[in-house]
Amino acid sequence: ESYKGQLKNVLTNERIFGVNLEEIGL
């Protein structure tokens, strides 16, 4: 329950993942 969406800013970081993971649905 301590997870309250903290990853969202990182998951959209194309520098880290090469893609925006939110935009592509992962």
PDB file of all heavy atoms in Angstrom:
ATOM      1  N   GLU A   1       0.817  -1.219   0.000  1.00  0.00           N
ATOM      2  CA  GLU A   1       0.000   0.000   0.000  1.00  0.00           C
ATOM      3  C   GLU A   1       0.850   1.267   0.000  1.00  0.00           C
ATOM      4  O   GLU A   1       0.339   2.367  -0.270  1.00  0.00           O
ATOM      5  CB  GLU A   1      -0.942   0.001   1.207  1.00  0.00           C
ATOM      6  CG  GLU A   1      -0.266   0.133   2.563  1.00  0.00           C
ATOM      7  CD  GLU A   1       0.233  -1.195   3.145  1.00  0.00           C
ATOM      8  OE1 GLU A   1       0.235  -2.200   2.405  1.00  0.00           O
ATOM      9  OE2 GLU A   1       0.601  -1.200   4.329  1.00  0.00           O
ATOM     10  N   SER A   2       2.160   1.129   0.271  1.00  0.00           N
ATOM     11  CA  SER A   2       3.036   2.308   0.253  1.00  0.00           C
ATOM     12  C   SER A   2       3.336   2.762  -1.169  1.00  0.00           C
ATOM     13  O   SER A   2       3.880   3.848  -1.370  1.00  0.00           O
ATOM     14  CB  SER A   2       4.339   2.019   1.000  1.00  0.00           C
ATOM     15  OG  SER A   2       5.120   1.041   0.316  1.00  0.00           O
ATOM     16  N   TYR A   3       2.998   1.904  -2.135  1.00  0.00           N
ATOM     17  CA  TYR A   3       3.176   2.334  -3.527  1.00  0.00           C
ATOM     18  C   TYR A   3       1.998   3.196  -3.942  1.00  0.00           C
ATOM     19  O   TYR A   3       0.851   2.748  -3.964  1.00  0.00           O
ATOM     20  CB  TYR A   3       3.314   1.149  -4.491  1.00  0.00           C
ATOM     21  CG  TYR A   3       3.480   1.635  -5.917  1.00  0.00           C
ATOM     22  CD1 TYR A   3       4.671   2.269  -6.294  1.00  0.00           C
ATOM     23  CD2 TYR A   3       2.458   1.527  -6.851  1.00  0.00           C
ATOM     24  CE1 TYR A   3       4.833   2.770  -7.580  1.00  0.00           C
ATOM     25  CE2 TYR A   3       2.619   2.020  -8.139  1.00  0.00           C
ATOM     26  CZ  TYR A   3       3.802   2.648  -8.497  1.00  0.00           C
ATOM     27  OH  TYR A   3       3.963   3.164  -9.764  1.00  0.00           O
ATOM     28  N   LYS A   4       2.282   4.426  -4.266  1.00  0.00           N
ATOM     29  CA  LYS A   4       1.240   5.379  -4.653  1.00  0.00           C
ATOM     30  C   LYS A   4       1.595   6.046  -5.980  1.00  0.00           C
ATOM     31  O   LYS A   4       1.423   7.250  -6.159  1.00  0.00           O
ATOM     32  CB  LYS A   4       1.049   6.429  -3.555  1.00  0.00           C
ATOM     33  CG  LYS A   4       0.703   5.834  -2.194  1.00  0.00           C
ATOM     34  CD  LYS A   4       0.455   6.904  -1.151  1.00  0.00           C
ATOM     35  CE  LYS A   4       0.259   6.291   0.234  1.00  0.00           C
ATOM     36  NZ  LYS A   4      -0.883   5.355   0.276  1.00  0.00           N
ATOM     37  N   GLY A   5       2.105   5.220  -6.887  1.00  0.00           N
ATOM     38  CA  GLY A   5       2.423   5.740  -8.223  1.00  0.00           C
ATOM     39  C   GLY A   5       3.786   6.383  -8.351  1.00  0.00           C
ATOM     40  O   GLY A   5       4.062   7.086  -9.329  1.00  0.00           O
ATOM     41  N   GLN A   6       4.683   6.123  -7.395  1.00  0.00           N
ATOM     42  CA  GLN A   6       5.998   6.777  -7.423  1.00  0.00           C
ATOM     43  C   GLN A   6       6.812   6.465  -8.674  1.00  0.00           C
ATOM     44  O   GLN A   6       7.705   7.223  -9.037  1.00  0.00           O
ATOM     45  CB  GLN A   6       6.814   6.383  -6.184  1.00  0.00           C
ATOM     46  CG  GLN A   6       6.298   6.966  -4.861  1.00  0.00           C
ATOM     47  CD  GLN A   6       5.391   5.997  -4.125  1.00  0.00           C
ATOM     48  OE1 GLN A   6       4.635   5.253  -4.750  1.00  0.00           O
ATOM     49  NE2 GLN A   6       5.458   6.009  -2.791  1.00  0.00           N
ATOM     50  N   LEU A   7       6.545   5.344  -9.327  1.00  0.00           N
ATOM     51  CA  LEU A   7       7.338   4.959 -10.495  1.00  0.00           C
ATOM     52  C   LEU A   7       6.956   5.717 -11.758  1.00  0.00           C
ATOM     53  O   LEU A   7       7.691   5.667 -12.748  1.00  0.00           O
ATOM     54  CB  LEU A   7       7.188   3.456 -10.778  1.00  0.00           C
ATOM     55  CG  LEU A   7       7.666   2.463  -9.722  1.00  0.00           C
ATOM     56  CD1 LEU A   7       7.512   1.052 -10.255  1.00  0.00           C
ATOM     57  CD2 LEU A   7       9.106   2.726  -9.330  1.00  0.00           C
ATOM     58  N   LYS A   8       5.820   6.380 -11.760  1.00  0.00           N
ATOM     59  CA  LYS A   8       5.280   6.913 -13.010  1.00  0.00           C
ATOM     60  C   LYS A   8       6.236   7.874 -13.713  1.00  0.00           C
ATOM     61  O   LYS A   8       6.381   7.831 -14.939  1.00  0.00           O
ATOM     62  CB  LYS A   8       3.925   7.583 -12.759  1.00  0.00           C
ATOM     63  CG  LYS A   8       2.837   6.578 -12.363  1.00  0.00           C
ATOM     64  CD  LYS A   8       1.466   7.203 -12.319  1.00  0.00           C
ATOM     65  CE  LYS A   8       0.410   6.190 -11.864  1.00  0.00           C
ATOM     66  NZ  LYS A   8       0.318   5.034 -12.771  1.00  0.00           N
ATOM     67  N   ASN A   9       6.910   8.742 -12.960  1.00  0.00           N
ATOM     68  CA  ASN A   9       7.848   9.672 -13.598  1.00  0.00           C
ATOM     69  C   ASN A   9       9.002   8.944 -14.263  1.00  0.00           C
ATOM     70  O   ASN A   9       9.485   9.346 -15.320  1.00  0.00           O
ATOM     71  CB  ASN A   9       8.409  10.658 -12.558  1.00  0.00           C
ATOM     72  CG  ASN A   9       7.400  11.715 -12.173  1.00  0.00           C
ATOM     73  OD1 ASN A   9       6.448  11.958 -12.907  1.00  0.00           O
ATOM     74  ND2 ASN A   9       7.602  12.335 -11.025  1.00  0.00           N
ATOM     75  N   VAL A  10       9.454   7.863 -13.645  1.00  0.00           N
ATOM     76  CA  VAL A  10      10.580   7.112 -14.207  1.00  0.00           C
ATOM     77  C   VAL A  10      10.133   6.288 -15.416  1.00  0.00           C
ATOM     78  O   VAL A  10      10.850   6.200 -16.415  1.00  0.00           O
ATOM     79  CB  VAL A  10      11.215   6.195 -13.141  1.00  0.00           C
ATOM     80  CG1 VAL A  10      12.463   5.520 -13.703  1.00  0.00           C
ATOM     81  CG2 VAL A  10      11.559   6.979 -11.881  1.00  0.00           C
ATOM     82  N   LEU A  11       8.967   5.710 -15.341  1.00  0.00           N
ATOM     83  CA  LEU A  11       8.478   4.848 -16.424  1.00  0.00           C
ATOM     84  C   LEU A  11       8.279   5.598 -17.736  1.00  0.00           C
ATOM     85  O   LEU A  11       8.230   4.993 -18.805  1.00  0.00           O
ATOM     86  CB  LEU A  11       7.168   4.179 -16.006  1.00  0.00           C
ATOM     87  CG  LEU A  11       7.300   3.125 -14.895  1.00  0.00           C
ATOM     88  CD1 LEU A  11       5.925   2.744 -14.345  1.00  0.00           C
ATOM     89  CD2 LEU A  11       8.022   1.885 -15.396  1.00  0.00           C
ATOM     90  N   THR A  12       8.162   6.914 -17.661  1.00  0.00           N
ATOM     91  CA  THR A  12       8.019   7.714 -18.883  1.00  0.00           C
ATOM     92  C   THR A  12       9.349   8.253 -19.384  1.00  0.00           C
ATOM     93  O   THR A  12       9.400   8.945 -20.396  1.00  0.00           O
ATOM     94  CB  THR A  12       7.070   8.904 -18.630  1.00  0.00           C
ATOM     95  OG1 THR A  12       7.614   9.724 -17.583  1.00  0.00           O
ATOM     96  CG2 THR A  12       5.683   8.424 -18.226  1.00  0.00           C
ATOM     97  N   ASN A  13      10.449   7.901 -18.703  1.00  0.00           N
ATOM     98  CA  ASN A  13      11.770   8.443 -19.017  1.00  0.00           C
ATOM     99  C   ASN A  13      12.421   7.670 -20.168  1.00  0.00           C
ATOM    100  O   ASN A  13      12.911   6.555 -19.996  1.00  0.00           O
ATOM    101  CB  ASN A  13      12.661   8.388 -17.770  1.00  0.00           C
ATOM    102  CG  ASN A  13      13.953   9.146 -17.944  1.00  0.00           C
ATOM    103  OD1 ASN A  13      14.531   9.192 -19.026  1.00  0.00           O
ATOM    104  ND2 ASN A  13      14.434   9.750 -16.866  1.00  0.00           N
ATOM    105  N   GLU A  14      12.418   8.269 -21.338  1.00  0.00           N
ATOM    106  CA  GLU A  14      12.973   7.586 -22.517  1.00  0.00           C
ATOM    107  C   GLU A  14      14.492   7.472 -22.451  1.00  0.00           C
ATOM    108  O   GLU A  14      15.074   6.610 -23.116  1.00  0.00           O
ATOM    109  CB  GLU A  14      12.552   8.325 -23.791  1.00  0.00           C
ATOM    110  CG  GLU A  14      11.047   8.265 -24.041  1.00  0.00           C
ATOM    111  CD  GLU A  14      10.645   8.856 -25.379  1.00  0.00           C
ATOM    112  OE1 GLU A  14      11.473   8.829 -26.320  1.00  0.00           O
ATOM    113  OE2 GLU A  14       9.507   9.346 -25.485  1.00  0.00           O
ATOM    114  N   ARG A  15      15.141   8.311 -21.660  1.00  0.00           N
ATOM    115  CA  ARG A  15      16.594   8.188 -21.489  1.00  0.00           C
ATOM    116  C   ARG A  15      16.955   6.862 -20.853  1.00  0.00           C
ATOM    117  O   ARG A  15      17.966   6.249 -21.172  1.00  0.00           O
ATOM    118  CB  ARG A  15      17.127   9.319 -20.604  1.00  0.00           C
ATOM    119  CG  ARG A  15      17.601  10.542 -21.312  1.00  0.00           C
ATOM    120  CD  ARG A  15      18.170  11.528 -20.296  1.00  0.00           C
ATOM    121  NE  ARG A  15      19.572  11.276 -20.047  1.00  0.00           N
ATOM    122  CZ  ARG A  15      20.555  11.882 -20.680  1.00  0.00           C
ATOM    123  NH1 ARG A  15      20.288  12.737 -21.635  1.00  0.00           N
ATOM    124  NH2 ARG A  15      21.810  11.620 -20.383  1.00  0.00           N
ATOM    125  N   ILE A  16      16.095   6.404 -19.949  1.00  0.00           N
ATOM    126  CA  ILE A  16      16.368   5.164 -19.236  1.00  0.00           C
ATOM    127  C   ILE A  16      15.917   3.950 -20.042  1.00  0.00           C
ATOM    128  O   ILE A  16      16.662   2.976 -20.190  1.00  0.00           O
ATOM    129  CB  ILE A  16      15.686   5.159 -17.854  1.00  0.00           C
ATOM    130  CG1 ILE A  16      16.285   6.250 -16.962  1.00  0.00           C
ATOM    131  CG2 ILE A  16      15.837   3.794 -17.173  1.00  0.00           C
ATOM    132  CD1 ILE A  16      15.629   6.374 -15.605  1.00  0.00           C
ATOM    133  N   PHE A  17      14.712   4.005 -20.592  1.00  0.00           N
ATOM    134  CA  PHE A  17      14.128   2.814 -21.209  1.00  0.00           C
ATOM    135  C   PHE A  17      14.178   2.814 -22.737  1.00  0.00           C
ATOM    136  O   PHE A  17      13.858   1.803 -23.355  1.00  0.00           O
ATOM    137  CB  PHE A  17      12.673   2.647 -20.751  1.00  0.00           C
ATOM    138  CG  PHE A  17      12.541   2.454 -19.268  1.00  0.00           C
ATOM    139  CD1 PHE A  17      12.095   3.477 -18.453  1.00  0.00           C
ATOM    140  CD2 PHE A  17      12.903   1.252 -18.678  1.00  0.00           C
ATOM    141  CE1 PHE A  17      11.992   3.316 -17.081  1.00  0.00           C
ATOM    142  CE2 PHE A  17      12.807   1.076 -17.306  1.00  0.00           C
ATOM    143  CZ  PHE A  17      12.356   2.102 -16.510  1.00  0.00           C
ATOM    144  N   GLY A  18      14.558   3.929 -23.326  1.00  0.00           N
ATOM    145  CA  GLY A  18      14.561   3.997 -24.783  1.00  0.00           C
ATOM    146  C   GLY A  18      13.191   4.296 -25.354  1.00  0.00           C
ATOM    147  O   GLY A  18      13.066   4.652 -26.521  1.00  0.00           O
ATOM    148  N   VAL A  19      12.163   4.127 -24.537  1.00  0.00           N
ATOM    149  CA  VAL A  19      10.776   4.385 -24.920  1.00  0.00           C
ATOM    150  C   VAL A  19      10.040   4.939 -23.701  1.00  0.00           C
ATOM    151  O   VAL A  19      10.506   4.809 -22.573  1.00  0.00           O
ATOM    152  CB  VAL A  19      10.054   3.102 -25.404  1.00  0.00           C
ATOM    153  CG1 VAL A  19      10.632   2.596 -26.701  1.00  0.00           C
ATOM    154  CG2 VAL A  19      10.105   2.019 -24.332  1.00  0.00           C
ATOM    155  N   ASN A  20       8.882   5.519 -23.951  1.00  0.00           N
ATOM    156  CA  ASN A  20       7.979   5.916 -22.875  1.00  0.00           C
ATOM    157  C   ASN A  20       7.070   4.722 -22.587  1.00  0.00           C
ATOM    158  O   ASN A  20       6.182   4.403 -23.386  1.00  0.00           O
ATOM    159  CB  ASN A  20       7.165   7.141 -23.297  1.00  0.00           C
ATOM    160  CG  ASN A  20       6.238   7.647 -22.216  1.00  0.00           C
ATOM    161  OD1 ASN A  20       5.636   6.861 -21.478  1.00  0.00           O
ATOM    162  ND2 ASN A  20       6.083   8.955 -22.134  1.00  0.00           N
ATOM    163  N   LEU A  21       7.327   4.027 -21.489  1.00  0.00           N
ATOM    164  CA  LEU A  21       6.591   2.789 -21.209  1.00  0.00           C
ATOM    165  C   LEU A  21       5.097   3.025 -21.006  1.00  0.00           C
ATOM    166  O   LEU A  21       4.282   2.146 -21.285  1.00  0.00           O
ATOM    167  CB  LEU A  21       7.188   2.100 -19.979  1.00  0.00           C
ATOM    168  CG  LEU A  21       8.610   1.549 -20.152  1.00  0.00           C
ATOM    169  CD1 LEU A  21       9.141   1.015 -18.834  1.00  0.00           C
ATOM    170  CD2 LEU A  21       8.655   0.465 -21.217  1.00  0.00           C
ATOM    171  N   GLU A  22       4.741   4.217 -20.559  1.00  0.00           N
ATOM    172  CA  GLU A  22       3.317   4.512 -20.386  1.00  0.00           C
ATOM    173  C   GLU A  22       2.638   4.673 -21.739  1.00  0.00           C
ATOM    174  O   GLU A  22       1.546   4.126 -21.967  1.00  0.00           O
ATOM    175  CB  GLU A  22       3.141   5.790 -19.555  1.00  0.00           C
ATOM    176  CG  GLU A  22       1.679   6.101 -19.244  1.00  0.00           C
ATOM    177  CD  GLU A  22       1.522   7.274 -18.302  1.00  0.00           C
ATOM    178  OE1 GLU A  22       2.520   7.975 -18.030  1.00  0.00           O
ATOM    179  OE2 GLU A  22       0.391   7.487 -17.845  1.00  0.00           O
ATOM    180  N   GLU A  23       3.290   5.356 -22.659  1.00  0.00           N
ATOM    181  CA  GLU A  23       2.700   5.583 -23.975  1.00  0.00           C
ATOM    182  C   GLU A  23       2.475   4.289 -24.736  1.00  0.00           C
ATOM    183  O   GLU A  23       1.485   4.163 -25.474  1.00  0.00           O
ATOM    184  CB  GLU A  23       3.592   6.512 -24.800  1.00  0.00           C
ATOM    185  CG  GLU A  23       3.491   7.979 -24.408  1.00  0.00           C
ATOM    186  CD  GLU A  23       4.320   8.860 -25.330  1.00  0.00           C
ATOM    187  OE1 GLU A  23       4.970   8.308 -26.258  1.00  0.00           O
ATOM    188  OE2 GLU A  23       4.315  10.089 -25.134  1.00  0.00           O
ATOM    189  N   ILE A  24       3.370   3.329 -24.582  1.00  0.00           N
ATOM    190  CA  ILE A  24       3.228   2.086 -25.355  1.00  0.00           C
ATOM    191  C   ILE A  24       2.432   1.021 -24.605  1.00  0.00           C
ATOM    192  O   ILE A  24       2.228  -0.082 -25.120  1.00  0.00           O
ATOM    193  CB  ILE A  24       4.600   1.517 -25.758  1.00  0.00           C
ATOM    194  CG1 ILE A  24       5.412   1.113 -24.521  1.00  0.00           C
ATOM    195  CG2 ILE A  24       5.354   2.514 -26.610  1.00  0.00           C
ATOM    196  CD1 ILE A  24       6.681   0.371 -24.858  1.00  0.00           C
ATOM    197  N   GLY A  25       1.985   1.323 -23.391  1.00  0.00           N
ATOM    198  CA  GLY A  25       1.084   0.427 -22.688  1.00  0.00           C
ATOM    199  C   GLY A  25       1.715  -0.642 -21.822  1.00  0.00           C
ATOM    200  O   GLY A  25       1.064  -1.637 -21.505  1.00  0.00           O
ATOM    201  N   LEU A  26       2.994  -0.449 -21.406  1.00  0.00           N
ATOM    202  CA  LEU A  26       3.650  -1.455 -20.562  1.00  0.00           C
ATOM    203  C   LEU A  26       3.815  -1.006 -19.113  1.00  0.00           C
ATOM    204  O   LEU A  26       4.174  -1.815 -18.253  1.00  0.00           O
ATOM    205  CB  LEU A  26       5.028  -1.820 -21.128  1.00  0.00           C
ATOM    206  CG  LEU A  26       5.061  -2.700 -22.375  1.00  0.00           C
ATOM    207  CD1 LEU A  26       6.503  -3.007 -22.775  1.00  0.00           C
ATOM    208  CD2 LEU A  26       4.283  -3.999 -22.181  1.00  0.00           C
TER     209      LEU A  26
END
